[in-house]
Protein backbone atom coordinates (compact mmCIF):
# COMPACT_ATOMS: atom_id res chain seq x y z
CA UNK A 1 0.00 0.00 0.00
CA UNK A 2 2.92 2.23 -0.55
CA UNK A 3 6.62 2.49 -1.00
CA UNK A 4 9.38 1.04 1.10
CA UNK A 5 10.09 3.15 4.19
CA UNK A 6 13.61 3.28 5.60
CA UNK A 7 13.51 2.54 9.35
CA UNK A 8 15.60 5.13 11.20
CA UNK A 9 18.64 3.75 12.99
CA UNK A 10 18.55 0.47 11.04
CA UNK A 11 19.45 -0.83 7.61
CA UNK A 12 15.87 -2.11 7.17
CA UNK A 13 13.29 -0.90 4.70
CA UNK A 14 9.67 -2.01 5.15
CA UNK A 15 6.71 -1.82 2.80
CA UNK A 16 3.21 -2.23 4.23
CA UNK A 17 1.14 -4.31 1.81
CA UNK A 18 -2.09 -4.05 3.80
CA UNK A 19 -4.35 -5.98 6.13
CA UNK A 20 -5.07 -9.42 4.71
CA UNK A 21 -7.51 -10.45 7.45
CA UNK A 22 -9.50 -8.54 10.06
CA UNK A 23 -11.94 -10.59 12.11
CA UNK A 24 -11.56 -8.52 15.30
CA UNK A 25 -14.75 -8.09 17.33
CA UNK A 26 -16.17 -4.60 16.63
CA UNK A 27 -16.16 -2.12 19.50
CA UNK A 28 -19.49 -2.09 21.32
CA UNK A 29 -20.30 -5.67 20.34
CA UNK A 30 -20.16 -8.90 22.34
CA UNK A 31 -18.37 -11.67 20.49
CA UNK A 32 -17.54 -15.28 21.33
CA UNK A 33 -14.04 -14.80 19.92
CA UNK A 34 -11.98 -11.58 20.03
CA UNK A 35 -10.74 -12.14 16.47
CA UNK A 36 -7.45 -11.28 14.80
CA UNK A 37 -6.02 -8.84 12.28
CA UNK A 38 -3.13 -9.91 10.04
CA UNK A 39 -0.81 -7.44 8.29
CA UNK A 40 1.45 -8.29 5.38
CA UNK A 41 4.85 -6.59 5.10
CA UNK A 42 7.87 -6.79 2.84
CA UNK A 43 11.20 -6.36 4.61
CA UNK A 44 14.59 -5.85 2.98
CA UNK A 45 18.08 -4.48 3.54
CA UNK A 46 20.40 -2.87 0.99
CA UNK A 47 22.08 -6.25 0.44
CA UNK A 48 19.01 -8.52 0.50
CA UNK A 49 15.95 -9.36 -1.51
CA UNK A 50 12.52 -8.42 -0.14
CA UNK A 51 11.06 -10.97 2.28
CA UNK A 52 7.30 -11.07 2.79
CA UNK A 53 6.08 -11.67 6.34
CA UNK A 54 2.70 -11.71 8.02
CA UNK A 55 2.22 -10.42 11.56
CA UNK A 56 -0.96 -10.86 13.62
CA UNK A 57 -2.55 -9.07 16.55
CA UNK A 58 -2.59 -12.36 18.47
CA UNK A 59 -0.50 -15.52 18.56
CA UNK A 60 -2.32 -18.54 17.15
CA UNK A 61 -0.03 -21.50 16.64
CA UNK A 62 -2.78 -23.64 15.10
CA UNK A 63 -3.02 -21.15 12.21
CA UNK A 64 0.66 -20.23 12.12
CA UNK A 65 -0.07 -16.66 13.24
CA UNK A 66 2.68 -14.74 15.03
CA UNK A 67 2.80 -11.33 16.69
CA UNK A 68 6.49 -10.94 15.86
CA UNK A 69 9.10 -12.35 13.54
CA UNK A 70 12.87 -12.09 13.34
CA UNK A 71 14.05 -10.84 9.96
CA UNK A 72 17.61 -9.90 8.99
CA UNK A 73 18.66 -9.69 12.65
CA UNK A 74 15.71 -7.56 13.81
CA UNK A 75 12.67 -8.54 15.87
CA UNK A 76 9.62 -6.94 14.23
CA UNK A 77 6.40 -6.87 16.28
CA UNK A 78 2.91 -5.79 15.27
CA UNK A 79 1.63 -3.49 18.02
CA UNK A 80 -1.48 -1.82 16.58
CA UNK A 81 -3.89 -1.97 13.66
CA UNK A 82 -6.10 1.08 13.16
CA UNK A 83 -8.87 1.85 12.87
CA UNK A 84 -10.39 -0.71 15.20
CA UNK A 85 -13.59 -2.22 13.74
CA UNK A 86 -16.80 -0.50 14.73
CA UNK A 87 -20.28 -1.99 14.91
CA UNK A 88 -21.09 0.59 12.23
CA UNK A 89 -19.64 -0.33 8.86
CA UNK A 90 -16.23 0.96 7.95
CA UNK A 91 -16.59 4.06 5.74
CA UNK A 92 -15.65 3.50 2.11
CA UNK A 93 -12.09 4.53 1.36
CA UNK A 94 -10.85 4.23 4.95
CA UNK A 95 -7.32 2.90 5.02
CA UNK A 96 -5.79 0.84 7.79
CA UNK A 97 -2.53 1.80 9.43
CA UNK A 98 -0.25 -0.26 11.63
CA UNK A 99 2.22 0.34 14.45
CA UNK A 100 5.39 -1.73 14.59
CA UNK A 101 8.12 -2.21 17.17
CA UNK A 102 11.55 -3.01 15.73
CA UNK A 103 14.49 -4.10 17.87
CA UNK A 104 17.95 -5.26 16.86
CA UNK A 105 18.66 -8.76 18.17
CA UNK A 106 21.35 -8.93 20.80
């Protein structure tokens, strides 16, 4: 959903491809399951090819969903997906955004 963004203080560039799943329970609703959102990213360094990863808002081993992944020596965690679903339908044209935490492995 855009260009690669250089991550300050690292040699990583990340491109956000979008949300590929969002089954989170809308605010104001009562749901049996809280749901999950899954973001797809491409990660690369100046000396590597892009690597596509998927990060989720919750860990779910049975579906292979992870909240973080280690790529090129960095731990990348999905922290937020906005906007949060509402019991009213999402307005047409609204784009999701994500918050990531990136830490160099020790």
